[in-house]
């Protein structure tokens, strides 16, 4: 069963998924970043940013159970 995320968190995860190597990640609201971090779908990166994890990509693809 998929983790339940707010619509804002799902949209933020999609935006993070679209970030290419070397590109600046989008700025996220602190509450959205905290929700994604707590779900294990993103990890903290340098400079206080977050980056999508393999679990986050699986969540978006529907392979999450």
N, C-alpha and C. Protein backbone atom coordinates (compact mmCIF):
# COMPACT_ATOMS: atom_id res chain seq x y z
N UNK A 1 0.83 -1.17 0.00
CA UNK A 1 0.00 0.00 0.00
C UNK A 1 0.89 1.25 0.00
N UNK A 2 0.54 2.24 -0.78
CA UNK A 2 1.31 3.47 -0.89
C UNK A 2 1.15 4.33 0.35
N UNK A 3 2.20 5.07 0.66
CA UNK A 3 2.12 6.05 1.73
C UNK A 3 1.22 7.17 1.26
N UNK A 4 0.41 7.69 2.15
CA UNK A 4 -0.47 8.79 1.80
C UNK A 4 0.29 10.11 1.96
N UNK A 5 0.35 10.88 0.89
CA UNK A 5 1.01 12.18 0.90
C UNK A 5 0.02 13.27 0.56
N UNK A 6 0.30 14.46 1.04
CA UNK A 6 -0.53 15.60 0.66
C UNK A 6 -0.31 15.89 -0.83
N UNK A 7 -1.28 16.54 -1.46
CA UNK A 7 -1.12 16.89 -2.88
C UNK A 7 0.12 17.76 -3.12
N UNK A 8 0.43 18.64 -2.17
CA UNK A 8 1.61 19.50 -2.30
C UNK A 8 2.89 18.67 -2.29
N UNK A 9 2.93 17.65 -1.45
CA UNK A 9 4.11 16.79 -1.35
C UNK A 9 4.29 15.96 -2.62
N UNK A 10 3.20 15.47 -3.18
CA UNK A 10 3.28 14.70 -4.43
C UNK A 10 3.80 15.58 -5.56
N UNK A 11 3.29 16.81 -5.65
CA UNK A 11 3.75 17.74 -6.69
C UNK A 11 5.22 18.07 -6.50
N UNK A 12 5.64 18.28 -5.26
CA UNK A 12 7.05 18.57 -4.98
C UNK A 12 7.93 17.38 -5.37
N UNK A 13 7.47 16.18 -5.09
CA UNK A 13 8.22 14.98 -5.45
C UNK A 13 8.36 14.87 -6.97
N UNK A 14 7.31 15.19 -7.69
CA UNK A 14 7.37 15.19 -9.16
C UNK A 14 8.38 16.22 -9.67
N UNK A 15 8.37 17.40 -9.05
CA UNK A 15 9.33 18.45 -9.47
C UNK A 15 10.76 18.02 -9.17
N UNK A 16 10.97 17.39 -8.02
CA UNK A 16 12.31 16.89 -7.69
C UNK A 16 12.76 15.81 -8.66
N UNK A 17 11.82 14.99 -9.10
CA UNK A 17 12.13 13.93 -10.05
C UNK A 17 12.59 14.48 -11.39
N UNK A 18 12.15 15.67 -11.73
CA UNK A 18 12.49 16.29 -13.02
C UNK A 18 13.83 17.03 -13.00
N UNK A 19 14.46 17.14 -11.83
CA UNK A 19 15.73 17.86 -11.72
C UNK A 19 16.85 17.01 -12.32
N UNK A 20 17.61 17.60 -13.20
CA UNK A 20 18.74 16.90 -13.81
C UNK A 20 20.00 17.04 -12.98
N UNK A 21 20.98 16.25 -13.30
CA UNK A 21 22.26 16.29 -12.61
C UNK A 21 22.87 17.68 -12.78
N UNK A 22 23.30 18.26 -11.68
CA UNK A 22 23.92 19.58 -11.71
C UNK A 22 22.94 20.73 -11.70
N UNK A 23 21.65 20.45 -11.76
CA UNK A 23 20.64 21.52 -11.72
C UNK A 23 20.26 21.81 -10.28
N UNK A 24 19.87 23.03 -10.03
CA UNK A 24 19.42 23.44 -8.70
C UNK A 24 18.03 22.86 -8.44
N UNK A 25 17.84 22.17 -7.31
CA UNK A 25 16.52 21.63 -7.00
C UNK A 25 15.54 22.76 -6.67
N UNK A 26 14.25 22.52 -6.86
CA UNK A 26 13.27 23.55 -6.53
C UNK A 26 13.23 23.79 -5.03
N UNK A 27 12.90 25.00 -4.65
CA UNK A 27 12.76 25.32 -3.24
C UNK A 27 11.41 24.81 -2.77
N UNK A 28 11.41 24.10 -1.64
CA UNK A 28 10.18 23.53 -1.11
C UNK A 28 9.81 24.20 0.21
N UNK A 29 8.52 24.26 0.47
CA UNK A 29 8.07 24.73 1.78
C UNK A 29 8.63 23.78 2.83
N UNK A 30 8.97 24.32 3.98
CA UNK A 30 9.57 23.52 5.04
C UNK A 30 8.66 22.36 5.45
N UNK A 31 7.36 22.59 5.49
CA UNK A 31 6.42 21.53 5.89
C UNK A 31 6.38 20.41 4.86
N UNK A 32 6.48 20.76 3.58
CA UNK A 32 6.48 19.75 2.51
C UNK A 32 7.77 18.94 2.56
N UNK A 33 8.89 19.62 2.71
CA UNK A 33 10.17 18.92 2.81
C UNK A 33 10.17 17.98 4.01
N UNK A 34 9.63 18.43 5.13
CA UNK A 34 9.57 17.59 6.34
C UNK A 34 8.71 16.36 6.11
N UNK A 35 7.60 16.53 5.42
CA UNK A 35 6.71 15.40 5.11
C UNK A 35 7.42 14.37 4.24
N UNK A 36 8.13 14.85 3.23
CA UNK A 36 8.85 13.94 2.33
C UNK A 36 10.03 13.26 3.03
N UNK A 37 10.74 14.01 3.88
CA UNK A 37 11.84 13.43 4.64
C UNK A 37 11.34 12.35 5.59
N UNK A 38 10.23 12.63 6.27
CA UNK A 38 9.66 11.67 7.22
C UNK A 38 9.19 10.40 6.52
N UNK A 39 8.80 10.52 5.25
CA UNK A 39 8.35 9.36 4.48
C UNK A 39 9.51 8.60 3.85
N UNK A 40 10.71 9.16 3.92
CA UNK A 40 11.87 8.50 3.33
C UNK A 40 11.93 8.61 1.82
N UNK A 41 11.19 9.57 1.26
CA UNK A 41 11.15 9.71 -0.19
C UNK A 41 12.17 10.71 -0.72
N UNK A 42 12.73 11.51 0.18
CA UNK A 42 13.82 12.42 -0.15
C UNK A 42 14.88 12.31 0.94
N UNK A 43 16.07 12.80 0.62
CA UNK A 43 17.17 12.84 1.58
C UNK A 43 17.73 14.25 1.60
N UNK A 44 18.33 14.61 2.73
CA UNK A 44 18.95 15.92 2.82
C UNK A 44 20.20 15.96 1.96
N UNK A 45 20.36 17.04 1.24
CA UNK A 45 21.53 17.24 0.38
C UNK A 45 22.29 18.46 0.91
N UNK A 46 23.37 18.77 0.25
CA UNK A 46 24.18 19.92 0.67
C UNK A 46 23.38 21.21 0.56
N UNK A 47 23.72 22.16 1.39
CA UNK A 47 23.08 23.46 1.33
C UNK A 47 21.67 23.49 1.88
N UNK A 48 21.25 22.43 2.58
CA UNK A 48 19.91 22.40 3.14
C UNK A 48 18.83 21.99 2.17
N UNK A 49 19.20 21.68 0.93
CA UNK A 49 18.23 21.21 -0.06
C UNK A 49 17.89 19.75 0.20
N UNK A 50 16.91 19.24 -0.52
CA UNK A 50 16.59 17.82 -0.48
C UNK A 50 16.69 17.27 -1.89
N UNK A 51 16.94 15.97 -1.99
CA UNK A 51 16.97 15.31 -3.30
C UNK A 51 16.15 14.04 -3.21
N UNK A 52 15.56 13.67 -4.32
CA UNK A 52 14.70 12.49 -4.36
C UNK A 52 15.55 11.23 -4.19
N UNK A 53 14.99 10.24 -3.52
CA UNK A 53 15.67 8.96 -3.31
C UNK A 53 15.08 7.92 -4.26
N UNK A 54 15.69 6.75 -4.26
CA UNK A 54 15.14 5.64 -5.06
C UNK A 54 13.70 5.34 -4.61
N UNK A 55 13.46 5.40 -3.31
CA UNK A 55 12.11 5.17 -2.80
C UNK A 55 11.13 6.21 -3.34
N UNK A 56 11.59 7.45 -3.47
CA UNK A 56 10.75 8.50 -4.03
C UNK A 56 10.41 8.23 -5.49
N UNK A 57 11.38 7.77 -6.25
CA UNK A 57 11.13 7.43 -7.66
C UNK A 57 10.18 6.24 -7.77
N UNK A 58 10.34 5.27 -6.89
CA UNK A 58 9.43 4.12 -6.89
C UNK A 58 8.01 4.55 -6.54
N UNK A 59 7.89 5.47 -5.59
CA UNK A 59 6.57 5.98 -5.21
C UNK A 59 5.87 6.59 -6.43
N UNK A 60 6.60 7.40 -7.18
CA UNK A 60 6.01 8.05 -8.35
C UNK A 60 5.65 7.06 -9.45
N UNK A 61 6.43 5.99 -9.57
CA UNK A 61 6.17 5.02 -10.64
C UNK A 61 5.06 4.06 -10.27
N UNK A 62 4.62 4.07 -9.00
CA UNK A 62 3.57 3.17 -8.58
C UNK A 62 4.05 1.82 -8.12
N UNK A 63 5.39 1.65 -8.02
CA UNK A 63 5.93 0.36 -7.60
C UNK A 63 6.03 0.23 -6.09
N UNK A 64 5.57 1.25 -5.38
CA UNK A 64 5.64 1.25 -3.92
C UNK A 64 4.56 0.34 -3.35
N UNK A 65 4.93 -0.51 -2.36
CA UNK A 65 3.87 -1.31 -1.73
C UNK A 65 3.66 -0.97 -0.33
